[in-house]
Amino acid sequence: MSSPPQPASRRGLEAFDSRDFRRYQLARVMAILGAEAQAVAVAWQVYSITHRALDLGYTGLALFLPGLLFLLPAGHVADRFDRRQVILVCYSLQMICTAALLAITVAGYHGVFAIYAILFLVGSGRSFSGPASSALIPHLVPEKHFVNAVTWGGAIFQFANTTGPALGGILFTLPLTQLFPHEPHLMDFTGAGIVYCFTLLSLVWFIVLISTLKVRPGRMEHRAASLKVVLAGFQYVRSMPMLLGSFSLDLFVVLLGGAVALMPIFANEVLQTGPRGLGMLRAAPAVGALCMSLTLARFPLQRKAGIKLFISVFIFGVATIVFGLSRDLWLSLVALAILGAADCISVIIRGSLLQLATPPEMRGRVSAVNSLFIGASNELGEFESGLTAQWLGAVRATVFGGIGALVVAGVWSVMFPSLRQADELTSAALRKQAPTPEPEEAEADATLL
C-alpha cells in the first residue's frame, strides 16, 4: 500500500517543513530576544554604578575574551560530543548566570566585578554553544533546503536582534510600582530585575524546545583530543582556498567598511539629526537585511554563488561610500539599507559555503575558526573605524573604508579563483576541493564504519 502524498511546500518556506527546524528557530528567536534585552539592562546597570564609559567597554571585553580563550576546545567539543547536548549544557550555564545577575540586583549589590565575572561565564557558554549550534543546523533540514534554512535563520536573527534592545528598554522602564502602589516588594524587581526575569523565561523556553528535538547527531569526531585533532579546523580551512578566501574576505571588508561604529558622529555632526536620527540610522541596515532575507527565501540563490558574493561585496563598498558622502538623512538611510541587503547576501552565501563545503565531522572546529574571523572583524573593525576617524575625520574614514572594501573585493577575486568560481550551493559541488584524508585518518574512519 503506497503512503499518502505529502502536501507541497509553499515556495520559500521549504525549511519549515522540518519539525526540528521550526522548533529550533522558535527557541532561537526567544534566546536572542532575551540576550539582547539582558545586554541593555547590564549596560545601564554598570553605567549607573560607575558612570564611566570605559566600564561599558569592559562588559564587551568580558563577553569577548572567552571566545578567544576557548576557541580551539569549543570547536573540538562540538565535534566530539552530541551537539544538542552541548547546546543544552551551555544554555543551562547561561540561565544560572542570569539568575545570578537577578540575585545581585535584588540584593542591591553595587559593585561591577561580580557582574564582569558573570559576563565572562556567559561568554564562555556562548563560545561553546556557537560552534555547536552552527554545526547542528545541517542536521535539521534536508540538504536541498539548507540554503533556505540559512536564509530564514538570517531573517529571524535580524528581527530578534533589532527587536531585543527595544524590548529590553521597554521592560527596564515598566512602572510596576505605580501600577501596584500597595506592593512595595515590587521595587526589588523594577528596572534590570524585570529584564533578567524575562531573560530567564526566554532561556527556559529555549532549553525546553531544544530538549524536544528529535535529531541526535551524536559524536562526529571519534578521536581523542590531541593538538593535531584540535587544530584540524585551521588545517582544513588552510587547505580549502574557497573557505579561507571567504573567511578572510569578510574579515578585511568589515575591518575597512565598518561605518556602523561612526553613526553617532554622522547623526550629530554631519546629518545633524540627533538621537532620533541615530536610531533610524542604526535600524536601516537591519531593515535592508531583513527585506533581502525575505526576498531570497522566495527567490533563492541557486547558481554562480561566488560571482554573486563578490557583487554583493562591491555593492556594500559603494553603499558605504554613498553613506559617507551623503548630507541628507533619507539618502543615508537608503544607502545603509542597501548596505545591509548586500551584507545579507554575503552572509547567506558564506554561511552556506561554511557548512556545505565542510564534512559533518569537521563542522564544529571549522565553525570555531569562522567565529574567530567574525569576532576579530567586528571588534577590530570598530577600533579601526574610530582610529581612522580620529586621524582623518568620520567622512573621509568612511569613504576610504568603502574604497578599501572595493579594492579587497577585486584583489580577493584574483587571489582566490576557487571562491569566485563557486557555483551551485551543494556539498557535492563544493567539496571537490576538499583535501584527501591522510592515511591514518582514512584508516580510522574505515574502522569506525
Protein backbone atom coordinates (compact mmCIF):
# COMPACT_ATOMS: atom_id res chain seq x y z
CA MET A 1 0.00 0.00 0.00
CA SER A 2 1.51 3.34 -1.04
CA SER A 3 1.95 6.10 1.51
CA PRO A 4 -0.34 9.12 1.23
CA PRO A 5 1.09 12.03 -0.76
CA GLN A 6 2.80 14.72 1.26
CA PRO A 7 1.42 18.25 0.98
CA ALA A 8 3.51 20.51 -1.24
CA SER A 9 5.61 23.14 0.46
CA ARG A 10 4.89 26.78 -0.12
CA ARG A 11 7.72 28.30 -2.13
CA GLY A 12 10.20 29.98 0.14
CA LEU A 13 9.12 28.07 3.27
CA GLU A 14 10.67 24.70 2.49
CA ALA A 15 12.91 24.67 5.58
CA PHE A 16 9.85 24.95 7.83
CA ASP A 17 8.66 21.53 6.65
CA SER A 18 11.14 20.19 9.21
CA ARG A 19 9.66 19.94 12.71
CA ASP A 20 13.09 20.27 14.29
CA PHE A 21 13.92 23.39 12.26
CA ARG A 22 10.67 25.06 13.33
CA ARG A 23 11.33 24.31 16.98
CA TYR A 24 14.96 25.35 16.78
CA GLN A 25 14.05 28.75 15.29
CA LEU A 26 11.28 29.31 17.84
CA ALA A 27 13.81 28.59 20.55
CA ARG A 28 16.47 30.75 18.91
CA VAL A 29 14.32 33.84 18.49
CA MET A 30 13.44 33.83 22.20
CA ALA A 31 17.07 33.27 23.21
CA ILE A 32 18.23 36.23 21.09
CA LEU A 33 15.46 38.47 22.41
CA GLY A 34 16.44 37.57 25.96
CA ALA A 35 20.17 38.06 25.34
CA GLU A 36 19.72 41.46 23.67
CA ALA A 37 17.35 42.66 26.37
CA GLN A 38 19.82 41.50 29.03
CA ALA A 39 22.64 43.39 27.30
CA VAL A 40 20.63 46.62 27.62
CA ALA A 41 19.98 46.01 31.32
CA VAL A 42 23.62 45.11 32.08
CA ALA A 43 24.93 48.20 30.28
CA TRP A 44 22.53 50.50 32.11
CA GLN A 45 23.23 48.84 35.44
CA VAL A 46 27.01 49.07 35.05
CA TYR A 47 26.89 52.70 33.94
CA SER A 48 24.55 53.65 36.79
CA ILE A 49 27.07 52.17 39.24
CA THR A 50 30.30 53.68 37.85
CA HIS A 51 29.24 56.48 35.45
CA ARG A 52 32.28 55.66 33.33
CA ALA A 53 32.11 54.84 29.61
CA LEU A 54 35.24 52.70 29.94
CA ASP A 55 33.41 50.31 32.23
CA LEU A 56 30.86 49.75 29.49
CA GLY A 57 33.72 48.67 27.26
CA TYR A 58 34.76 46.14 29.88
CA THR A 59 31.36 44.45 29.63
CA GLY A 60 32.01 43.78 25.94
CA LEU A 61 35.52 42.61 26.73
CA ALA A 62 34.24 40.18 29.38
CA LEU A 63 31.93 38.62 26.79
CA PHE A 64 34.53 38.59 24.01
CA LEU A 65 37.58 37.16 25.82
CA PRO A 66 36.18 33.63 26.34
CA GLY A 67 35.73 33.32 22.58
CA LEU A 68 39.48 33.74 22.16
CA LEU A 69 40.48 31.61 25.14
CA PHE A 70 38.19 28.67 24.36
CA LEU A 71 38.21 28.81 20.55
CA LEU A 72 40.05 25.52 19.98
CA PRO A 73 38.41 23.38 22.69
CA ALA A 74 34.96 24.71 21.75
CA GLY A 75 35.30 23.50 18.18
CA HIS A 76 36.57 20.10 19.29
CA VAL A 77 33.75 19.70 21.83
CA ALA A 78 31.18 20.45 19.11
CA ASP A 79 32.60 17.61 17.01
CA ARG A 80 33.39 15.20 19.84
CA PHE A 81 30.04 15.21 21.66
CA ASP A 82 26.35 15.33 20.80
CA ARG A 83 25.86 18.92 19.60
CA ARG A 84 22.35 19.13 21.00
CA GLN A 85 23.61 18.17 24.46
CA VAL A 86 26.44 20.71 24.22
CA ILE A 87 23.91 23.45 23.46
CA LEU A 88 21.71 22.41 26.38
CA VAL A 89 24.63 22.46 28.84
CA CYS A 90 25.81 25.87 27.62
CA TYR A 91 22.38 27.48 27.86
CA SER A 92 21.83 25.93 31.28
CA LEU A 93 25.02 27.72 32.35
CA GLN A 94 23.68 30.97 30.88
CA MET A 95 20.44 30.51 32.79
CA ILE A 96 22.41 30.16 36.04
CA CYS A 97 24.33 33.32 35.15
CA THR A 98 21.14 35.29 34.51
CA ALA A 99 19.76 34.07 37.84
CA ALA A 100 22.97 35.33 39.48
CA LEU A 101 22.52 38.75 37.85
CA LEU A 102 18.96 38.85 39.17
CA ALA A 103 20.13 37.85 42.65
CA ILE A 104 22.76 40.56 42.97
CA THR A 105 20.29 43.10 41.59
CA VAL A 106 17.63 42.23 44.15
CA ALA A 107 20.29 42.22 46.87
CA GLY A 108 21.23 45.79 45.94
CA TYR A 109 24.85 44.93 45.15
CA HIS A 110 26.72 48.00 43.84
CA GLY A 111 29.98 46.51 42.55
CA VAL A 112 30.85 45.75 38.94
CA PHE A 113 33.44 43.00 39.36
CA ALA A 114 30.83 40.35 40.12
CA ILE A 115 28.93 41.46 37.01
CA TYR A 116 32.09 41.13 34.91
CA ALA A 117 32.71 37.65 36.31
CA ILE A 118 29.18 36.57 35.46
CA LEU A 119 29.50 38.03 31.96
CA PHE A 120 32.73 36.08 31.49
CA LEU A 121 30.83 32.87 32.28
CA VAL A 122 28.06 33.93 29.86
CA GLY A 123 30.70 34.47 27.18
CA SER A 124 32.21 31.07 27.98
CA GLY A 125 28.87 29.39 27.41
CA ARG A 126 28.41 31.25 24.13
CA SER A 127 31.90 30.32 22.93
CA PHE A 128 31.00 26.62 23.21
CA SER A 129 27.37 26.87 22.06
CA GLY A 130 28.23 28.91 18.94
CA PRO A 131 30.15 26.22 17.00
CA ALA A 132 27.75 23.51 18.21
CA SER A 133 24.69 25.50 17.08
CA SER A 134 26.22 26.31 13.72
CA ALA A 135 27.18 22.68 13.14
CA LEU A 136 23.74 21.43 14.24
CA ILE A 137 21.72 23.28 11.58
CA PRO A 138 22.62 20.97 8.65
CA HIS A 139 21.13 18.09 10.66
CA LEU A 140 17.75 19.84 10.95
CA VAL A 141 16.81 20.05 7.26
CA PRO A 142 17.50 18.08 4.07
CA GLU A 143 20.50 19.42 2.18
CA LYS A 144 18.32 20.69 -0.68
CA HIS A 145 16.63 23.04 1.80
CA PHE A 146 19.79 24.12 3.62
CA VAL A 147 20.25 27.45 1.81
CA ASN A 148 16.60 28.24 2.54
CA ALA A 149 17.26 27.41 6.20
CA VAL A 150 20.29 29.73 6.31
CA THR A 151 18.23 32.49 4.68
CA TRP A 152 15.41 32.20 7.21
CA GLY A 153 17.94 31.95 10.02
CA GLY A 154 19.34 35.32 8.92
CA ALA A 155 15.88 36.90 8.75
CA ILE A 156 14.97 35.63 12.21
CA PHE A 157 18.27 36.87 13.61
CA GLN A 158 17.74 40.36 12.15
CA PHE A 159 14.23 40.51 13.58
CA ALA A 160 15.28 39.40 17.06
CA ASN A 161 18.50 41.42 17.05
CA THR A 162 16.66 44.67 16.29
CA THR A 163 13.64 43.96 18.50
CA GLY A 164 15.58 42.72 21.54
CA PRO A 165 17.20 46.02 22.58
CA ALA A 166 13.90 47.90 22.19
CA LEU A 167 12.13 45.23 24.24
CA GLY A 168 14.83 45.47 26.89
CA GLY A 169 14.35 49.23 27.10
CA ILE A 170 10.58 48.86 27.47
CA LEU A 171 10.87 46.22 30.18
CA PHE A 172 13.51 48.25 32.00
CA THR A 173 11.14 51.20 32.33
CA LEU A 174 7.93 49.32 33.25
CA PRO A 175 6.21 51.35 36.02
CA LEU A 176 5.18 48.38 38.17
CA THR A 177 5.43 50.33 41.40
CA GLN A 178 2.98 52.91 40.03
CA LEU A 179 0.59 50.25 38.77
CA PHE A 180 0.76 48.35 42.07
CA PRO A 181 1.40 51.00 44.78
CA HIS A 182 0.41 48.62 47.58
CA GLU A 183 3.08 46.05 46.62
CA PRO A 184 6.36 47.64 47.85
CA HIS A 185 8.33 44.43 47.26
CA LEU A 186 7.99 45.05 43.52
CA MET A 187 10.66 47.73 43.92
CA ASP A 188 13.21 44.90 44.01
CA PHE A 189 12.20 43.78 40.51
CA THR A 190 11.94 47.08 38.68
CA GLY A 191 14.48 48.04 36.04
CA ALA A 192 17.17 45.41 35.48
CA GLY A 193 15.35 42.85 37.63
CA ILE A 194 12.35 42.74 35.26
CA VAL A 195 14.66 42.27 32.27
CA TYR A 196 16.55 39.45 33.96
CA CYS A 197 13.27 37.69 34.77
CA PHE A 198 12.28 37.93 31.10
CA THR A 199 15.69 36.57 30.03
CA LEU A 200 15.30 33.66 32.45
CA LEU A 201 11.92 32.81 30.93
CA SER A 202 13.36 33.03 27.42
CA LEU A 203 16.17 30.64 28.37
CA VAL A 204 13.73 28.18 29.92
CA TRP A 205 11.71 28.34 26.69
CA PHE A 206 14.89 27.70 24.68
CA ILE A 207 16.00 24.71 26.77
CA VAL A 208 12.56 23.08 26.69
CA LEU A 209 12.25 23.37 22.90
CA ILE A 210 15.81 22.19 22.21
CA SER A 211 15.19 19.21 24.51
CA THR A 212 12.29 18.13 22.26
CA LEU A 213 14.36 18.00 19.06
CA LYS A 214 14.32 14.53 17.56
CA VAL A 215 17.68 14.91 15.83
CA ARG A 216 20.53 13.10 17.53
CA PRO A 217 23.72 13.93 15.61
CA GLY A 218 25.82 12.07 18.17
CA ARG A 219 29.60 12.02 18.13
CA MET A 220 31.18 13.12 14.86
CA GLU A 221 34.87 13.10 15.78
CA HIS A 222 35.81 9.79 17.43
CA ARG A 223 39.48 10.53 18.00
CA ALA A 224 40.53 11.71 21.44
CA ALA A 225 41.73 15.26 21.95
CA SER A 226 45.24 15.97 20.69
CA LEU A 227 46.94 19.02 19.28
CA LYS A 228 46.53 17.67 15.75
CA VAL A 229 42.84 16.93 16.21
CA VAL A 230 42.10 20.26 17.87
CA LEU A 231 43.95 22.20 15.16
CA ALA A 232 42.30 20.23 12.37
CA GLY A 233 39.82 23.06 11.74
CA PHE A 234 42.62 25.51 10.94
CA GLN A 235 44.32 22.90 8.78
CA TYR A 236 41.14 22.22 6.83
CA VAL A 237 40.46 25.92 6.23
CA ARG A 238 44.07 26.46 5.10
CA SER A 239 43.79 23.55 2.66
CA MET A 240 40.48 24.87 1.23
CA PRO A 241 41.20 28.16 -0.61
CA MET A 242 37.47 28.71 -1.08
CA LEU A 243 36.83 28.74 2.67
CA LEU A 244 39.99 30.68 3.50
CA GLY A 245 39.05 33.28 0.89
CA SER A 246 35.50 33.51 2.20
CA PHE A 247 36.54 33.96 5.84
CA SER A 248 39.31 36.46 5.12
CA LEU A 249 37.16 38.44 2.66
CA ASP A 250 34.63 39.08 5.41
CA LEU A 251 37.41 39.95 7.87
CA PHE A 252 39.01 42.67 5.74
CA VAL A 253 35.80 44.10 4.27
CA VAL A 254 34.27 44.57 7.73
CA LEU A 255 37.56 45.95 9.05
CA LEU A 256 37.65 48.59 6.31
CA GLY A 257 33.97 49.27 5.73
CA GLY A 258 32.66 49.44 9.31
CA ALA A 259 30.54 52.60 9.13
CA VAL A 260 28.23 51.49 11.94
CA ALA A 261 30.69 52.48 14.68
CA LEU A 262 30.75 56.07 13.39
CA MET A 263 26.99 56.57 13.20
CA PRO A 264 26.78 58.75 16.34
CA ILE A 265 29.21 61.19 14.71
CA PHE A 266 27.22 61.26 11.46
CA ALA A 267 23.93 61.73 13.31
CA ASN A 268 25.29 64.56 15.47
CA GLU A 269 27.80 66.42 13.33
CA VAL A 270 27.21 65.52 9.66
CA LEU A 271 23.46 64.99 9.31
CA GLN A 272 22.57 66.94 12.48
CA THR A 273 19.58 64.75 13.28
CA GLY A 274 20.23 63.98 16.94
CA PRO A 275 19.29 60.80 18.83
CA ARG A 276 16.17 60.14 16.77
CA GLY A 277 18.18 60.16 13.56
CA LEU A 278 20.77 57.91 15.18
CA GLY A 279 18.08 55.35 15.95
CA MET A 280 16.93 55.44 12.33
CA LEU A 281 20.49 55.07 11.06
CA ARG A 282 21.14 52.08 13.33
CA ALA A 283 17.93 50.38 12.20
CA ALA A 284 18.39 50.94 8.44
CA PRO A 285 20.96 48.14 7.76
CA ALA A 286 18.83 45.64 9.69
CA VAL A 287 15.73 46.65 7.72
CA GLY A 288 17.60 46.17 4.46
CA ALA A 289 18.95 42.81 5.57
CA LEU A 290 15.53 41.62 6.71
CA CYS A 291 13.91 42.59 3.41
CA MET A 292 16.64 40.84 1.45
CA SER A 293 16.32 37.71 3.59
CA LEU A 294 12.60 37.52 2.88
CA THR A 295 13.24 38.08 -0.83
CA LEU A 296 15.89 35.36 -1.03
CA ALA A 297 13.62 32.96 0.84
CA ARG A 298 11.14 33.37 -2.02
CA PHE A 299 13.73 33.55 -4.81
CA PRO A 300 16.73 31.55 -3.54
CA LEU A 301 20.32 31.77 -4.68
CA GLN A 302 20.94 28.78 -6.93
CA ARG A 303 23.91 29.23 -9.25
CA LYS A 304 27.04 31.39 -9.59
CA ALA A 305 27.31 31.83 -5.83
CA GLY A 306 30.92 33.06 -5.98
CA ILE A 307 30.20 35.80 -8.52
CA LYS A 308 27.17 36.93 -6.52
CA LEU A 309 29.29 37.03 -3.36
CA PHE A 310 31.78 39.44 -4.94
CA ILE A 311 28.99 41.54 -6.46
CA SER A 312 27.39 41.88 -3.03
CA VAL A 313 30.72 42.99 -1.53
CA PHE A 314 31.12 45.53 -4.36
CA ILE A 315 27.63 46.92 -3.64
CA PHE A 316 28.50 47.03 0.07
CA GLY A 317 31.56 49.15 -0.68
CA VAL A 318 29.68 51.54 -2.99
CA ALA A 319 26.86 51.96 -0.45
CA THR A 320 29.45 52.73 2.24
CA ILE A 321 30.95 55.47 0.06
CA VAL A 322 27.49 56.95 -0.65
CA PHE A 323 26.70 56.99 3.06
CA GLY A 324 29.99 58.69 3.83
CA LEU A 325 29.37 61.45 1.25
CA SER A 326 25.67 61.95 1.97
CA ARG A 327 24.41 65.09 3.69
CA ASP A 328 20.75 64.07 3.50
CA LEU A 329 19.17 61.78 6.12
CA TRP A 330 16.97 59.90 3.67
CA LEU A 331 19.79 59.27 1.21
CA SER A 332 21.89 57.99 4.11
CA LEU A 333 19.07 55.68 5.21
CA VAL A 334 18.70 54.27 1.67
CA ALA A 335 22.46 53.74 1.42
CA LEU A 336 22.53 51.91 4.75
CA ALA A 337 19.53 49.76 3.79
CA ILE A 338 21.28 48.76 0.55
CA LEU A 339 24.45 48.12 2.55
CA GLY A 340 22.52 45.81 4.89
CA ALA A 341 20.85 44.00 1.98
CA ALA A 342 24.20 43.41 0.27
CA ASP A 343 25.74 42.18 3.50
CA CYS A 344 22.80 39.78 3.92
CA ILE A 345 23.58 38.16 0.54
CA SER A 346 27.21 37.82 1.57
CA VAL A 347 26.28 36.26 4.93
CA ILE A 348 23.95 33.69 3.35
CA ILE A 349 26.50 32.62 0.74
CA ARG A 350 29.38 32.45 3.22
CA GLY A 351 27.24 30.55 5.75
CA SER A 352 26.25 28.03 3.09
CA LEU A 353 29.86 27.62 1.95
CA LEU A 354 30.96 27.07 5.55
CA GLN A 355 28.56 24.21 6.24
CA LEU A 356 28.23 22.56 2.82
CA ALA A 357 31.94 22.59 1.96
CA THR A 358 32.88 21.08 5.33
CA PRO A 359 32.47 17.38 6.23
CA PRO A 360 29.99 16.79 9.10
CA GLU A 361 32.72 15.58 11.46
CA MET A 362 34.66 18.85 11.00
CA ARG A 363 31.88 21.42 11.16
CA GLY A 364 32.34 22.30 14.82
CA ARG A 365 36.05 23.08 14.51
CA VAL A 366 35.68 24.92 11.19
CA SER A 367 32.77 26.93 12.63
CA ALA A 368 35.02 27.88 15.55
CA VAL A 369 37.65 29.18 13.11
CA ASN A 370 34.96 31.19 11.35
CA SER A 371 33.85 32.60 14.71
CA LEU A 372 37.40 33.84 15.27
CA PHE A 373 37.37 35.69 11.94
CA ILE A 374 33.93 37.19 12.63
CA GLY A 375 34.80 38.21 16.17
CA ALA A 376 38.06 39.81 15.06
CA SER A 377 36.37 41.71 12.23
CA ASN A 378 33.59 43.06 14.44
CA GLU A 379 35.74 44.02 17.42
CA LEU A 380 38.76 45.29 15.49
CA GLY A 381 36.53 46.92 12.87
CA GLU A 382 35.04 49.28 15.43
CA PHE A 383 38.52 50.10 16.73
CA GLU A 384 39.84 50.70 13.20
CA SER A 385 36.90 52.95 12.34
CA GLY A 386 37.38 55.01 15.48
CA LEU A 387 41.12 55.29 14.94
CA THR A 388 40.89 56.38 11.29
CA ALA A 389 38.06 58.78 12.14
CA GLN A 390 40.30 60.33 14.77
CA TRP A 391 43.04 60.82 12.18
CA LEU A 392 41.04 61.67 9.05
CA GLY A 393 37.57 62.63 10.24
CA ALA A 394 34.43 60.48 10.07
CA VAL A 395 33.55 61.31 6.46
CA ARG A 396 36.97 60.57 4.99
CA ALA A 397 37.39 57.47 7.13
CA THR A 398 34.07 56.07 5.89
CA VAL A 399 34.73 56.91 2.24
CA PHE A 400 38.25 55.45 2.33
CA GLY A 401 36.83 52.39 4.08
CA GLY A 402 34.32 51.87 1.28
CA ILE A 403 37.08 52.26 -1.32
CA GLY A 404 39.17 49.78 0.64
CA ALA A 405 36.31 47.26 0.55
CA LEU A 406 36.16 47.59 -3.23
CA VAL A 407 39.91 47.06 -3.51
CA VAL A 408 39.77 43.98 -1.27
CA ALA A 409 36.92 42.52 -3.35
CA GLY A 410 38.96 42.97 -6.53
CA VAL A 411 42.17 41.54 -5.07
CA TRP A 412 40.40 38.57 -3.45
CA SER A 413 38.63 37.68 -6.71
CA VAL A 414 42.09 37.25 -8.26
CA MET A 415 43.81 35.61 -5.26
CA PHE A 416 41.00 33.07 -4.66
CA PRO A 417 39.69 31.95 -8.06
CA SER A 418 38.03 28.91 -6.49
CA LEU A 419 35.84 31.24 -4.42
CA ARG A 420 34.97 33.32 -7.46
CA GLN A 421 34.14 30.17 -9.45
CA ALA A 422 31.91 28.62 -6.75
CA ASP A 423 28.67 27.79 -8.48
CA GLU A 424 25.95 25.57 -7.03
CA LEU A 425 25.50 25.59 -3.25
CA THR A 426 25.55 21.84 -2.67
CA SER A 427 28.01 19.70 -0.73
CA ALA A 428 28.81 17.60 -3.81
CA ALA A 429 29.76 20.67 -5.84
CA LEU A 430 31.65 22.49 -3.09
CA ARG A 431 33.69 19.62 -1.63
CA LYS A 432 35.52 18.87 -4.86
CA GLN A 433 38.37 20.96 -3.48
CA ALA A 434 38.44 19.10 -0.17
CA PRO A 435 41.84 17.62 0.71
CA THR A 436 42.30 13.87 0.61
CA PRO A 437 42.28 12.40 4.14
CA GLU A 438 45.65 11.31 5.48
CA PRO A 439 46.20 7.53 5.58
CA GLU A 440 45.80 7.19 9.35
CA GLU A 441 42.59 9.26 9.27
CA ALA A 442 41.13 7.22 6.43
CA GLU A 443 42.02 4.00 8.31
CA ALA A 444 40.36 5.30 11.47
CA ASP A 445 37.22 6.21 9.55
CA ALA A 446 37.11 2.79 7.92
CA THR A 447 37.43 1.12 11.32
CA LEU A 448 34.52 3.15 12.67
CA LEU A 449 32.38 2.17 9.72
